[in-house]
C-alpha cells in the first residue's frame, strides 16, 4: 500500500497511511525490527487493540483514558510496564487510541531508554487530523496543558477511517472542531465542507485536514514560527481546560470556544472583518459544542494563559484570522486583550 503522503521534517521523514480496514494489516505497514508493544486504553483493548496485537504478534500494555490521566504518573507507568515486559532499545511502541493515549504513551516511548521507535495508530477524528501528526508529545501539569513534553517524530502514522464509524457523536465533533480550525488557518475548501451541518464526508475531511497540518509541520518542525498557526483558538482553550480541571468539555469543544474568543480580539484589532468572524462563529455554534459551565472562573482562565507554552518572555502569543484560509501569529498580545476575548465568549 502506498502512503497517502509523507511528512518530511528536519530530523525525520515518515509516511502517513489513510484508508479503511487497516488495523488487521498494521504489520505490513511498519518496520520489522525489534519487539513490538501495542499501547492502548483499557476501553479500546477489545475493539481495536487486540486486532493490532494479532497483526503484529505483539505484547499489550493498557492505560486509562481521559485528560485526568494525561500525566507524568501515567507515562511513568507505561515505562514501568515496558521494563517489566522486557522492552529494549530496538523495541517499538505502537500506540492505538485517541489524542490523550497518543500523547501520553508516545511521550513515554520518547523518554524510554532515550527513545524507541514509535508508531501512531489514531482512532479518533481529532487524533487523525491533528495530534498524531508532527511529532509533538506531552502530558499535562497542574498549572497548564501539555507543559511537559518532547518533539519526537513517529516512524509511521496509520489512520484507519473505519475506526471513526463507531465513534460517539461528541468525540466525532471534538475532532471536527480541530478540522474546522485547519480550514480557517489553511484551506477554505475544508472550512466550507463543514459549513452546512449535519452532512459532511468524514474521509474527505480527514484527508484535507491532514494536508493542512502536514504542510505546516514539514516547514516548521519545532514551532519556531509557522507551526504556531496550529494554535489558533488554543490559548484561551487551554485556559478553559485548566480552569475546568480538564473536565466537562472535550479538547475540541474548548478549541471551538477558544476560536470565538480569539476572533473577538482580532475584530477589536481590526485584523479581520466582523462578518468573517461572525461566519466562523456561526459554523461553530451550528455544530453545538457543549456550553461552557455556568460560573466558570474567568480569573482561572486568565491565570492559565500565563503558563501557555507558546509565550516568550513577557510576550503573549496568539493566532488571529485575517480571512478564512489565512491566519497570522502575533507576539504582542496583552493580558487585557485576552481578558476581552474571554469575556466575549462568556
C-alpha atoms as a PDB file:
ATOM      1  CA  UNK A   1       0.000   0.000   0.000  1.00  0.00           C
ATOM      2  CA  UNK A   2       1.271   3.444  -0.899  1.00  0.00           C
ATOM      3  CA  UNK A   3       1.181   6.158   1.790  1.00  0.00           C
ATOM      4  CA  UNK A   4      -1.327   8.981   1.467  1.00  0.00           C
ATOM      5  CA  UNK A   5       1.580  11.384   1.915  1.00  0.00           C
ATOM      6  CA  UNK A   6       4.996  11.609   3.547  1.00  0.00           C
ATOM      7  CA  UNK A   7       5.771  14.248   6.150  1.00  0.00           C
ATOM      8  CA  UNK A   8       9.330  15.484   5.697  1.00  0.00           C
ATOM      9  CA  UNK A   9      10.699  17.284   8.734  1.00  0.00           C
ATOM     10  CA  UNK A  10      14.198  18.457   9.579  1.00  0.00           C
ATOM     11  CA  UNK A  11      15.015  15.431  11.755  1.00  0.00           C
ATOM     12  CA  UNK A  12      12.875  12.714  10.187  1.00  0.00           C
ATOM     13  CA  UNK A  13      10.517  11.737   7.399  1.00  0.00           C
ATOM     14  CA  UNK A  14       7.622   9.356   7.882  1.00  0.00           C
ATOM     15  CA  UNK A  15       4.684   8.034   5.847  1.00  0.00           C
ATOM     16  CA  UNK A  16       1.052   8.655   6.718  1.00  0.00           C
ATOM     17  CA  UNK A  17      -1.335   5.907   5.631  1.00  0.00           C
ATOM     18  CA  UNK A  18      -5.035   6.708   5.310  1.00  0.00           C
ATOM     19  CA  UNK A  19      -7.632   4.131   4.376  1.00  0.00           C
ATOM     20  CA  UNK A  20     -10.193   1.642   5.603  1.00  0.00           C
ATOM     21  CA  UNK A  21      -9.731  -1.693   7.367  1.00  0.00           C
ATOM     22  CA  UNK A  22      -6.044  -1.097   8.059  1.00  0.00           C
ATOM     23  CA  UNK A  23      -5.882  -2.352  11.664  1.00  0.00           C
ATOM     24  CA  UNK A  24      -5.637  -6.017  10.718  1.00  0.00           C
ATOM     25  CA  UNK A  25      -2.784  -5.222   8.326  1.00  0.00           C
ATOM     26  CA  UNK A  26      -0.652  -2.934  10.515  1.00  0.00           C
ATOM     27  CA  UNK A  27       2.267  -5.408  10.372  1.00  0.00           C
ATOM     28  CA  UNK A  28       2.740  -4.791   6.645  1.00  0.00           C
ATOM     29  CA  UNK A  29       2.984  -1.023   7.174  1.00  0.00           C
ATOM     30  CA  UNK A  30       5.564  -0.786   9.975  1.00  0.00           C
ATOM     31  CA  UNK A  31       9.299  -1.565  10.191  1.00  0.00           C
ATOM     32  CA  UNK A  32      10.046  -5.152  11.173  1.00  0.00           C
ATOM     33  CA  UNK A  33      12.971  -4.840  13.601  1.00  0.00           C
ATOM     34  CA  UNK A  34      12.703  -5.458  17.339  1.00  0.00           C
ATOM     35  CA  UNK A  35       9.845  -6.490  19.594  1.00  0.00           C
ATOM     36  CA  UNK A  36       6.563  -4.645  19.244  1.00  0.00           C
ATOM     37  CA  UNK A  37       4.446  -3.344  22.104  1.00  0.00           C
ATOM     38  CA  UNK A  38       0.891  -2.210  21.466  1.00  0.00           C
ATOM     39  CA  UNK A  39      -0.150   0.504  23.919  1.00  0.00           C
ATOM     40  CA  UNK A  40      -3.838   1.340  24.091  1.00  0.00           C
ATOM     41  CA  UNK A  41      -6.575   2.144  26.593  1.00  0.00           C
ATOM     42  CA  UNK A  42      -8.480  -0.424  28.617  1.00  0.00           C
ATOM     43  CA  UNK A  43     -11.650   0.770  26.859  1.00  0.00           C
ATOM     44  CA  UNK A  44     -10.184   0.208  23.371  1.00  0.00           C
ATOM     45  CA  UNK A  45      -8.414  -3.050  24.119  1.00  0.00           C
ATOM     46  CA  UNK A  46     -11.054  -5.364  22.677  1.00  0.00           C
ATOM     47  CA  UNK A  47     -12.356  -3.022  19.984  1.00  0.00           C
ATOM     48  CA  UNK A  48      -9.038  -2.121  18.347  1.00  0.00           C
ATOM     49  CA  UNK A  49      -6.037  -3.087  20.465  1.00  0.00           C
ATOM     50  CA  UNK A  50      -6.275  -6.863  20.210  1.00  0.00           C
ATOM     51  CA  UNK A  51      -6.681  -6.680  16.424  1.00  0.00           C
ATOM     52  CA  UNK A  52      -3.397  -4.788  16.140  1.00  0.00           C
ATOM     53  CA  UNK A  53      -1.732  -7.143  18.624  1.00  0.00           C
ATOM     54  CA  UNK A  54      -2.736 -10.107  16.472  1.00  0.00           C
ATOM     55  CA  UNK A  55      -1.402  -8.436  13.334  1.00  0.00           C
ATOM     56  CA  UNK A  56       1.966  -7.701  14.948  1.00  0.00           C
ATOM     57  CA  UNK A  57       2.269 -10.685  17.321  1.00  0.00           C
ATOM     58  CA  UNK A  58       2.962  -8.018  19.945  1.00  0.00           C
ATOM     59  CA  UNK A  59       2.785  -7.566  23.709  1.00  0.00           C
ATOM     60  CA  UNK A  60      -0.089  -5.463  25.026  1.00  0.00           C
ATOM     61  CA  UNK A  61       0.052  -2.575  27.501  1.00  0.00           C
ATOM     62  CA  UNK A  62      -3.065  -0.694  28.628  1.00  0.00           C
ATOM     63  CA  UNK A  63      -3.630   2.625  30.379  1.00  0.00           C
ATOM     64  CA  UNK A  64      -6.732   4.554  31.407  1.00  0.00           C
ATOM     65  CA  UNK A  65      -8.334   7.170  29.155  1.00  0.00           C
ATOM     66  CA  UNK A  66      -9.204  10.790  29.944  1.00  0.00           C
ATOM     67  CA  UNK A  67      -7.369  14.076  30.450  1.00  0.00           C
ATOM     68  CA  UNK A  68      -7.165  13.364  34.184  1.00  0.00           C
ATOM     69  CA  UNK A  69      -4.773  10.511  33.295  1.00  0.00           C
ATOM     70  CA  UNK A  70      -2.638  12.551  30.890  1.00  0.00           C
ATOM     71  CA  UNK A  71       0.112  12.891  33.489  1.00  0.00           C
ATOM     72  CA  UNK A  72       3.703  12.065  34.280  1.00  0.00           C
ATOM     73  CA  UNK A  73       2.420   9.299  36.559  1.00  0.00           C
ATOM     74  CA  UNK A  74       0.707   7.574  33.626  1.00  0.00           C
ATOM     75  CA  UNK A  75       3.774   7.989  31.400  1.00  0.00           C
ATOM     76  CA  UNK A  76       5.893   6.532  34.209  1.00  0.00           C
ATOM     77  CA  UNK A  77       3.503   3.579  34.431  1.00  0.00           C
ATOM     78  CA  UNK A  78       3.987   2.907  30.710  1.00  0.00           C
ATOM     79  CA  UNK A  79       7.775   2.981  31.189  1.00  0.00           C
ATOM     80  CA  UNK A  80       7.435   0.535  34.075  1.00  0.00           C
ATOM     81  CA  UNK A  81       5.290  -1.830  32.005  1.00  0.00           C
ATOM     82  CA  UNK A  82       7.785  -1.683  29.122  1.00  0.00           C
ATOM     83  CA  UNK A  83      10.566  -2.630  31.519  1.00  0.00           C
ATOM     84  CA  UNK A  84       8.540  -5.460  33.048  1.00  0.00           C
ATOM     85  CA  UNK A  85       7.796  -6.838  29.576  1.00  0.00           C
ATOM     86  CA  UNK A  86      11.467  -6.734  28.646  1.00  0.00           C
ATOM     87  CA  UNK A  87      11.480  -3.910  26.120  1.00  0.00           C
ATOM     88  CA  UNK A  88      14.900  -2.917  24.760  1.00  0.00           C
ATOM     89  CA  UNK A  89      16.259  -0.010  22.733  1.00  0.00           C
ATOM     90  CA  UNK A  90      15.354  -1.744  19.473  1.00  0.00           C
ATOM     91  CA  UNK A  91      11.730  -2.217  20.546  1.00  0.00           C
ATOM     92  CA  UNK A  92       8.767  -0.408  19.002  1.00  0.00           C
ATOM     93  CA  UNK A  93       5.752   1.217  20.661  1.00  0.00           C
ATOM     94  CA  UNK A  94       2.594   1.051  18.538  1.00  0.00           C
ATOM     95  CA  UNK A  95       0.124   3.434  20.147  1.00  0.00           C
ATOM     96  CA  UNK A  96      -3.542   2.783  19.381  1.00  0.00           C
ATOM     97  CA  UNK A  97      -6.094   5.353  20.507  1.00  0.00           C
ATOM     98  CA  UNK A  98      -7.128   8.976  20.582  1.00  0.00           C
ATOM     99  CA  UNK A  99      -5.149  12.101  21.328  1.00  0.00           C
ATOM    100  CA  UNK A 100      -4.721  11.542  25.059  1.00  0.00           C
ATOM    101  CA  UNK A 101      -3.435   7.984  24.540  1.00  0.00           C
ATOM    102  CA  UNK A 102      -1.196   9.046  21.661  1.00  0.00           C
ATOM    103  CA  UNK A 103       0.310  11.947  23.586  1.00  0.00           C
ATOM    104  CA  UNK A 104       0.852  10.101  26.866  1.00  0.00           C
ATOM    105  CA  UNK A 105       2.062   6.758  25.555  1.00  0.00           C
ATOM    106  CA  UNK A 106       4.022   8.471  22.807  1.00  0.00           C
ATOM    107  CA  UNK A 107       5.765  10.686  25.361  1.00  0.00           C
ATOM    108  CA  UNK A 108       6.624   7.585  27.404  1.00  0.00           C
ATOM    109  CA  UNK A 109       8.136   5.986  24.281  1.00  0.00           C
ATOM    110  CA  UNK A 110      10.163   9.131  23.608  1.00  0.00           C
ATOM    111  CA  UNK A 111      11.837   9.002  27.040  1.00  0.00           C
ATOM    112  CA  UNK A 112      12.131   5.222  27.483  1.00  0.00           C
ATOM    113  CA  UNK A 113      15.841   4.361  27.104  1.00  0.00           C
ATOM    114  CA  UNK A 114      16.203   7.803  25.430  1.00  0.00           C
ATOM    115  CA  UNK A 115      13.592   6.890  22.855  1.00  0.00           C
ATOM    116  CA  UNK A 116      12.308   3.820  21.000  1.00  0.00           C
ATOM    117  CA  UNK A 117      10.574   3.568  17.642  1.00  0.00           C
ATOM    118  CA  UNK A 118       7.046   4.980  17.748  1.00  0.00           C
ATOM    119  CA  UNK A 119       4.061   4.263  15.511  1.00  0.00           C
ATOM    120  CA  UNK A 120       0.782   6.157  15.851  1.00  0.00           C
ATOM    121  CA  UNK A 121      -2.489   4.382  15.058  1.00  0.00           C
ATOM    122  CA  UNK A 122      -5.018   7.163  15.799  1.00  0.00           C
ATOM    123  CA  UNK A 123      -8.609   6.029  16.317  1.00  0.00           C
ATOM    124  CA  UNK A 124     -10.445   9.348  16.771  1.00  0.00           C
ATOM    125  CA  UNK A 125     -11.081  12.148  14.310  1.00  0.00           C
ATOM    126  CA  UNK A 126      -9.128  14.595  16.472  1.00  0.00           C
ATOM    127  CA  UNK A 127      -6.099  12.306  16.597  1.00  0.00           C
ATOM    128  CA  UNK A 128      -6.210  11.553  12.872  1.00  0.00           C
ATOM    129  CA  UNK A 129      -6.382  15.200  11.779  1.00  0.00           C
ATOM    130  CA  UNK A 130      -4.169  16.697  14.451  1.00  0.00           C
ATOM    131  CA  UNK A 131      -2.415  15.097  17.408  1.00  0.00           C
ATOM    132  CA  UNK A 132      -0.840  12.093  15.652  1.00  0.00           C
ATOM    133  CA  UNK A 133       0.937  14.323  13.122  1.00  0.00           C
ATOM    134  CA  UNK A 134       4.028  16.454  13.613  1.00  0.00           C
ATOM    135  CA  UNK A 135       5.866  14.712  16.444  1.00  0.00           C
ATOM    136  CA  UNK A 136       4.699  16.791  19.412  1.00  0.00           C
ATOM    137  CA  UNK A 137       4.096  14.749  22.565  1.00  0.00           C
ATOM    138  CA  UNK A 138       3.164  15.972  26.013  1.00  0.00           C
ATOM    139  CA  UNK A 139       1.411  15.407  29.307  1.00  0.00           C
ATOM    140  CA  UNK A 140      -0.377  17.944  31.467  1.00  0.00           C
ATOM    141  CA  UNK A 141       0.772  19.756  34.597  1.00  0.00           C
ATOM    142  CA  UNK A 142      -1.458  21.191  37.290  1.00  0.00           C
ATOM    143  CA  UNK A 143      -0.544  24.674  36.037  1.00  0.00           C
ATOM    144  CA  UNK A 144      -1.428  24.048  32.425  1.00  0.00           C
ATOM    145  CA  UNK A 145      -1.983  21.736  29.497  1.00  0.00           C
ATOM    146  CA  UNK A 146       0.877  19.993  27.668  1.00  0.00           C
ATOM    147  CA  UNK A 147       3.601  21.702  29.689  1.00  0.00           C
ATOM    148  CA  UNK A 148       5.790  18.575  29.924  1.00  0.00           C
ATOM    149  CA  UNK A 149       6.726  17.096  26.578  1.00  0.00           C
ATOM    150  CA  UNK A 150       9.084  16.496  23.713  1.00  0.00           C
ATOM    151  CA  UNK A 151       9.429  16.720  19.955  1.00  0.00           C
ATOM    152  CA  UNK A 152       9.721  13.118  18.799  1.00  0.00           C
ATOM    153  CA  UNK A 153       8.574  12.147  15.294  1.00  0.00           C
ATOM    154  CA  UNK A 154       6.965   8.741  14.745  1.00  0.00           C
ATOM    155  CA  UNK A 155       8.237   6.188  12.263  1.00  0.00           C
ATOM    156  CA  UNK A 156       4.764   5.732  10.752  1.00  0.00           C
ATOM    157  CA  UNK A 157       1.209   7.067  11.173  1.00  0.00           C
ATOM    158  CA  UNK A 158      -1.673   4.735  10.253  1.00  0.00           C
ATOM    159  CA  UNK A 159      -5.155   6.273  10.161  1.00  0.00           C
ATOM    160  CA  UNK A 160      -7.867   3.659   9.725  1.00  0.00           C
ATOM    161  CA  UNK A 161     -11.006   5.585   8.809  1.00  0.00           C
ATOM    162  CA  UNK A 162     -13.144   2.601   9.811  1.00  0.00           C
ATOM    163  CA  UNK A 163     -12.430   3.379  13.471  1.00  0.00           C
ATOM    164  CA  UNK A 164     -14.426   6.595  13.093  1.00  0.00           C
ATOM    165  CA  UNK A 165     -17.632   4.743  12.157  1.00  0.00           C
ATOM    166  CA  UNK A 166     -18.305   3.768  15.781  1.00  0.00           C
ATOM    167  CA  UNK A 167     -17.029   6.991  17.328  1.00  0.00           C
ATOM    168  CA  UNK A 168     -19.516   8.615  19.738  1.00  0.00           C
ATOM    169  CA  UNK A 169     -21.035  11.759  18.273  1.00  0.00           C
ATOM    170  CA  UNK A 170     -19.408  14.037  20.816  1.00  0.00           C
ATOM    171  CA  UNK A 171     -15.948  12.610  20.119  1.00  0.00           C
ATOM    172  CA  UNK A 172     -16.532  12.999  16.389  1.00  0.00           C
ATOM    173  CA  UNK A 173     -17.451  16.648  16.918  1.00  0.00           C
ATOM    174  CA  UNK A 174     -14.354  17.193  19.051  1.00  0.00           C
ATOM    175  CA  UNK A 175     -12.235  16.284  16.036  1.00  0.00           C
ATOM    176  CA  UNK A 176     -14.490  18.228  13.718  1.00  0.00           C
ATOM    177  CA  UNK A 177     -13.661  21.462  15.555  1.00  0.00           C
ATOM    178  CA  UNK A 178      -9.927  20.786  15.108  1.00  0.00           C
ATOM    179  CA  UNK A 179     -10.553  20.152  11.409  1.00  0.00           C
ATOM    180  CA  UNK A 180     -12.538  23.398  11.233  1.00  0.00           C
ATOM    181  CA  UNK A 181      -9.530  25.146  12.771  1.00  0.00           C
ATOM    182  CA  UNK A 182      -7.408  23.706   9.975  1.00  0.00           C
ATOM    183  CA  UNK A 183      -9.810  25.130   7.431  1.00  0.00           C
ATOM    184  CA  UNK A 184      -9.570  28.622   8.908  1.00  0.00           C
ATOM    185  CA  UNK A 185      -5.774  28.602   9.014  1.00  0.00           C
ATOM    186  CA  UNK A 186      -5.035  26.955   5.707  1.00  0.00           C
ATOM    187  CA  UNK A 187      -7.836  25.623   3.480  1.00  0.00           C
ATOM    188  CA  UNK A 188     -11.069  27.476   2.812  1.00  0.00           C
ATOM    189  CA  UNK A 189     -12.478  24.425   0.997  1.00  0.00           C
ATOM    190  CA  UNK A 190     -12.103  22.371   4.196  1.00  0.00           C
ATOM    191  CA  UNK A 191     -13.968  25.063   6.124  1.00  0.00           C
ATOM    192  CA  UNK A 192     -16.732  25.023   3.523  1.00  0.00           C
ATOM    193  CA  UNK A 193     -17.086  21.232   3.835  1.00  0.00           C
ATOM    194  CA  UNK A 194     -18.045  21.763   7.473  1.00  0.00           C
ATOM    195  CA  UNK A 195     -20.199  24.834   6.969  1.00  0.00           C
ATOM    196  CA  UNK A 196     -23.536  23.070   6.482  1.00  0.00           C
ATOM    197  CA  UNK A 197     -24.335  20.610   9.295  1.00  0.00           C
ATOM    198  CA  UNK A 198     -25.205  17.812   9.636  1.00  0.00           C
ATOM    199  CA  UNK A 199     -23.728  16.463   6.395  1.00  0.00           C
ATOM    200  CA  UNK A 200     -20.023  16.090   5.728  1.00  0.00           C
ATOM    201  CA  UNK A 201     -17.764  13.475   4.162  1.00  0.00           C
ATOM    202  CA  UNK A 202     -15.573  12.227   7.020  1.00  0.00           C
ATOM    203  CA  UNK A 203     -12.985  10.675   4.702  1.00  0.00           C
ATOM    204  CA  UNK A 204     -12.635  13.889   2.705  1.00  0.00           C
ATOM    205  CA  UNK A 205     -12.365  15.980   5.883  1.00  0.00           C
ATOM    206  CA  UNK A 206      -9.599  13.750   7.255  1.00  0.00           C
ATOM    207  CA  UNK A 207      -7.551  13.907   4.066  1.00  0.00           C
ATOM    208  CA  UNK A 208      -7.893  17.676   3.656  1.00  0.00           C
ATOM    209  CA  UNK A 209      -7.076  18.343   7.325  1.00  0.00           C
ATOM    210  CA  UNK A 210      -4.026  16.071   7.204  1.00  0.00           C
ATOM    211  CA  UNK A 211      -2.730  18.002   4.201  1.00  0.00           C
ATOM    212  CA  UNK A 212      -3.050  21.315   6.049  1.00  0.00           C
ATOM    213  CA  UNK A 213      -1.143  20.076   9.063  1.00  0.00           C
ATOM    214  CA  UNK A 214       1.444  18.156   7.036  1.00  0.00           C
ATOM    215  CA  UNK A 215       2.351  21.259   5.054  1.00  0.00           C
ATOM    216  CA  UNK A 216       2.846  23.311   8.208  1.00  0.00           C
ATOM    217  CA  UNK A 217       4.805  20.783  10.294  1.00  0.00           C
ATOM    218  CA  UNK A 218       7.034  19.932   7.336  1.00  0.00           C
ATOM    219  CA  UNK A 219       8.048  23.588   7.089  1.00  0.00           C
ATOM    220  CA  UNK A 220       8.471  24.137  10.854  1.00  0.00           C
ATOM    221  CA  UNK A 221       9.208  21.069  12.964  1.00  0.00           C
ATOM    222  CA  UNK A 222       9.727  22.664  16.369  1.00  0.00           C
ATOM    223  CA  UNK A 223       7.246  25.547  16.474  1.00  0.00           C
ATOM    224  CA  UNK A 224       9.754  28.281  15.757  1.00  0.00           C
ATOM    225  CA  UNK A 225       7.401  30.235  13.510  1.00  0.00           C
ATOM    226  CA  UNK A 226       4.861  28.851  11.023  1.00  0.00           C
ATOM    227  CA  UNK A 227       3.790  25.913  13.199  1.00  0.00           C
ATOM    228  CA  UNK A 228       2.381  28.287  15.771  1.00  0.00           C
ATOM    229  CA  UNK A 229      -0.528  28.804  13.358  1.00  0.00           C
ATOM    230  CA  UNK A 230      -1.827  25.434  14.544  1.00  0.00           C
ATOM    231  CA  UNK A 231      -2.515  27.017  17.923  1.00  0.00           C
ATOM    232  CA  UNK A 232      -5.391  29.132  16.610  1.00  0.00           C
ATOM    233  CA  UNK A 233      -8.027  29.018  19.342  1.00  0.00           C
ATOM    234  CA  UNK A 234      -5.741  27.137  21.725  1.00  0.00           C
ATOM    235  CA  UNK A 235      -4.525  29.913  24.041  1.00  0.00           C
ATOM    236  CA  UNK A 236      -7.956  30.536  25.530  1.00  0.00           C
ATOM    237  CA  UNK A 237      -8.920  26.863  25.057  1.00  0.00           C
ATOM    238  CA  UNK A 238      -6.061  25.696  27.255  1.00  0.00           C
ATOM    239  CA  UNK A 239      -7.068  28.279  29.845  1.00  0.00           C
ATOM    240  CA  UNK A 240     -10.637  26.948  29.794  1.00  0.00           C
ATOM    241  CA  UNK A 241      -9.456  23.359  30.163  1.00  0.00           C
ATOM    242  CA  UNK A 242      -7.204  24.190  33.101  1.00  0.00           C
ATOM    243  CA  UNK A 243      -9.947  26.239  34.795  1.00  0.00           C
ATOM    244  CA  UNK A 244     -12.273  23.222  34.496  1.00  0.00           C
ATOM    245  CA  UNK A 245      -9.562  20.841  35.709  1.00  0.00           C
ATOM    246  CA  UNK A 246      -9.825  19.068  32.335  1.00  0.00           C
ATOM    247  CA  UNK A 247     -13.443  18.080  32.914  1.00  0.00           C
ATOM    248  CA  UNK A 248     -16.819  18.955  31.308  1.00  0.00           C
ATOM    249  CA  UNK A 249     -15.513  19.809  27.815  1.00  0.00           C
ATOM    250  CA  UNK A 250     -13.622  17.816  25.220  1.00  0.00           C
ATOM    251  CA  UNK A 251     -10.437  19.367  23.858  1.00  0.00           C
ATOM    252  CA  UNK A 252     -12.116  20.119  20.544  1.00  0.00           C
ATOM    253  CA  UNK A 253     -15.012  21.858  22.272  1.00  0.00           C
ATOM    254  CA  UNK A 254     -12.596  24.024  24.248  1.00  0.00           C
ATOM    255  CA  UNK A 255     -10.834  24.917  20.981  1.00  0.00           C
ATOM    256  CA  UNK A 256     -14.182  25.865  19.444  1.00  0.00           C
ATOM    257  CA  UNK A 257     -14.845  28.355  22.254  1.00  0.00           C
ATOM    258  CA  UNK A 258     -11.214  29.499  22.088  1.00  0.00           C
ATOM    259  CA  UNK A 259     -11.587  30.335  18.400  1.00  0.00           C
ATOM    260  CA  UNK A 260     -14.592  32.524  19.176  1.00  0.00           C
ATOM    261  CA  UNK A 261     -12.597  34.349  21.848  1.00  0.00           C
ATOM    262  CA  UNK A 262      -9.604  34.803  19.536  1.00  0.00           C
ATOM    263  CA  UNK A 263     -11.854  36.136  16.771  1.00  0.00           C
ATOM    264  CA  UNK A 264     -13.291  38.765  19.128  1.00  0.00           C
ATOM    265  CA  UNK A 265      -9.770  40.060  19.787  1.00  0.00           C
ATOM    266  CA  UNK A 266      -8.989  40.006  16.048  1.00  0.00           C
ATOM    267  CA  UNK A 267     -12.092  42.077  15.280  1.00  0.00           C
ATOM    268  CA  UNK A 268     -11.179  44.543  18.022  1.00  0.00           C
ATOM    269  CA  UNK A 269      -7.695  44.889  16.495  1.00  0.00           C
ATOM    270  CA  UNK A 270      -9.123  45.383  13.025  1.00  0.00           C
ATOM    271  CA  UNK A 271      -7.389  42.267  11.707  1.00  0.00           C
ATOM    272  CA  UNK A 272     -10.477  40.533  10.360  1.00  0.00           C
ATOM    273  CA  UNK A 273     -13.799  41.752   9.051  1.00  0.00           C
ATOM    274  CA  UNK A 274     -16.649  41.415  11.528  1.00  0.00           C
ATOM    275  CA  UNK A 275     -18.732  39.395   9.055  1.00  0.00           C
ATOM    276  CA  UNK A 276     -15.873  36.878   8.580  1.00  0.00           C
ATOM    277  CA  UNK A 277     -15.571  36.384  12.337  1.00  0.00           C
ATOM    278  CA  UNK A 278     -19.347  36.020  12.528  1.00  0.00           C
ATOM    279  CA  UNK A 279     -19.318  33.390   9.770  1.00  0.00           C
ATOM    280  CA  UNK A 280     -16.759  31.313  11.688  1.00  0.00           C
ATOM    281  CA  UNK A 281     -18.727  31.660  14.923  1.00  0.00           C
ATOM    282  CA  UNK A 282     -21.980  30.687  13.206  1.00  0.00           C
ATOM    283  CA  UNK A 283     -20.450  27.459  11.904  1.00  0.00           C
ATOM    284  CA  UNK A 284     -19.089  26.606  15.353  1.00  0.00           C
ATOM    285  CA  UNK A 285     -22.452  27.210  17.013  1.00  0.00           C
ATOM    286  CA  UNK A 286     -24.314  25.224  14.341  1.00  0.00           C
ATOM    287  CA  UNK A 287     -22.339  22.164  15.456  1.00  0.00           C
ATOM    288  CA  UNK A 288     -23.468  22.772  19.059  1.00  0.00           C
ATOM    289  CA  UNK A 289     -20.347  22.446  21.195  1.00  0.00           C
ATOM    290  CA  UNK A 290     -21.123  21.709  24.841  1.00  0.00           C
ATOM    291  CA  UNK A 291     -21.805  25.078  26.526  1.00  0.00           C
ATOM    292  CA  UNK A 292     -19.304  26.475  28.974  1.00  0.00           C
ATOM    293  CA  UNK A 293     -20.418  25.649  32.519  1.00  0.00           C
ATOM    294  CA  UNK A 294     -22.182  28.384  34.471  1.00  0.00           C
ATOM    295  CA  UNK A 295     -19.879  30.103  36.907  1.00  0.00           C
ATOM    296  CA  UNK A 296     -16.626  29.155  35.182  1.00  0.00           C
ATOM    297  CA  UNK A 297     -13.809  31.095  36.842  1.00  0.00           C
ATOM    298  CA  UNK A 298     -12.662  33.876  34.491  1.00  0.00           C
ATOM    299  CA  UNK A 299      -9.601  34.589  36.621  1.00  0.00           C
ATOM    300  CA  UNK A 300      -8.577  30.930  36.482  1.00  0.00           C
ATOM    301  CA  UNK A 301      -8.784  31.001  32.679  1.00  0.00           C
ATOM    302  CA  UNK A 302      -6.579  34.089  32.523  1.00  0.00           C
ATOM    303  CA  UNK A 303      -4.110  32.694  35.043  1.00  0.00           C
ATOM    304  CA  UNK A 304      -3.711  29.514  32.991  1.00  0.00           C
ATOM    305  CA  UNK A 305      -2.965  31.503  29.830  1.00  0.00           C
ATOM    306  CA  UNK A 306       0.045  32.961  31.650  1.00  0.00           C
ATOM    307  CA  UNK A 307       1.609  29.494  31.542  1.00  0.00           C
ATOM    308  CA  UNK A 308       0.920  28.943  27.851  1.00  0.00           C
ATOM    309  CA  UNK A 309       3.993  27.247  26.393  1.00  0.00           C
ATOM    310  CA  UNK A 310       3.853  29.499  23.299  1.00  0.00           C
ATOM    311  CA  UNK A 311       4.622  32.611  25.351  1.00  0.00           C
ATOM    312  CA  UNK A 312       8.118  34.044  25.072  1.00  0.00           C
ATOM    313  CA  UNK A 313       9.311  36.152  27.990  1.00  0.00           C
ATOM    314  CA  UNK A 314       6.658  38.746  28.733  1.00  0.00           C
ATOM    315  CA  UNK A 315       5.124  38.342  25.278  1.00  0.00           C
ATOM    316  CA  UNK A 316       1.821  36.560  24.847  1.00  0.00           C
ATOM    317  CA  UNK A 317       1.496  34.753  21.543  1.00  0.00           C
ATOM    318  CA  UNK A 318      -1.846  34.250  19.802  1.00  0.00           C
ATOM    319  CA  UNK A 319      -3.085  33.371  16.333  1.00  0.00           C
ATOM    320  CA  UNK A 320      -5.731  35.524  14.656  1.00  0.00           C
ATOM    321  CA  UNK A 321      -7.593  35.037  11.368  1.00  0.00           C
ATOM    322  CA  UNK A 322      -7.256  37.552   8.556  1.00  0.00           C
ATOM    323  CA  UNK A 323      -9.746  35.694   6.366  1.00  0.00           C
ATOM    324  CA  UNK A 324     -10.983  32.124   6.058  1.00  0.00           C
ATOM    325  CA  UNK A 325      -7.958  30.131   4.943  1.00  0.00           C
ATOM    326  CA  UNK A 326      -5.332  32.521   6.284  1.00  0.00           C
ATOM    327  CA  UNK A 327      -4.225  33.346   9.821  1.00  0.00           C
ATOM    328  CA  UNK A 328      -1.234  35.175  11.312  1.00  0.00           C
ATOM    329  CA  UNK A 329       0.785  34.826  14.510  1.00  0.00           C
ATOM    330  CA  UNK A 330       1.040  37.851  16.822  1.00  0.00           C
ATOM    331  CA  UNK A 331       3.537  38.061  19.678  1.00  0.00           C
ATOM    332  CA  UNK A 332       2.380  41.292  21.328  1.00  0.00           C
ATOM    333  CA  UNK A 333      -0.960  40.248  22.814  1.00  0.00           C
ATOM    334  CA  UNK A 334      -1.766  41.890  26.133  1.00  0.00           C
ATOM    335  CA  UNK A 335      -3.450  40.476  29.204  1.00  0.00           C
ATOM    336  CA  UNK A 336      -6.251  42.986  28.688  1.00  0.00           C
ATOM    337  CA  UNK A 337      -6.887  41.633  25.186  1.00  0.00           C
ATOM    338  CA  UNK A 338      -7.040  38.046  26.395  1.00  0.00           C
ATOM    339  CA  UNK A 339      -9.462  39.133  29.125  1.00  0.00           C
ATOM    340  CA  UNK A 340     -11.565  40.805  26.423  1.00  0.00           C
ATOM    341  CA  UNK A 341     -11.626  37.587  24.393  1.00  0.00           C
ATOM    342  CA  UNK A 342     -12.658  35.540  27.425  1.00  0.00           C
ATOM    343  CA  UNK A 343     -15.465  37.963  28.252  1.00  0.00           C
ATOM    344  CA  UNK A 344     -16.651  37.909  24.636  1.00  0.00           C
ATOM    345  CA  UNK A 345     -17.184  34.139  24.624  1.00  0.00           C
ATOM    346  CA  UNK A 346     -18.652  34.045  28.130  1.00  0.00           C
END
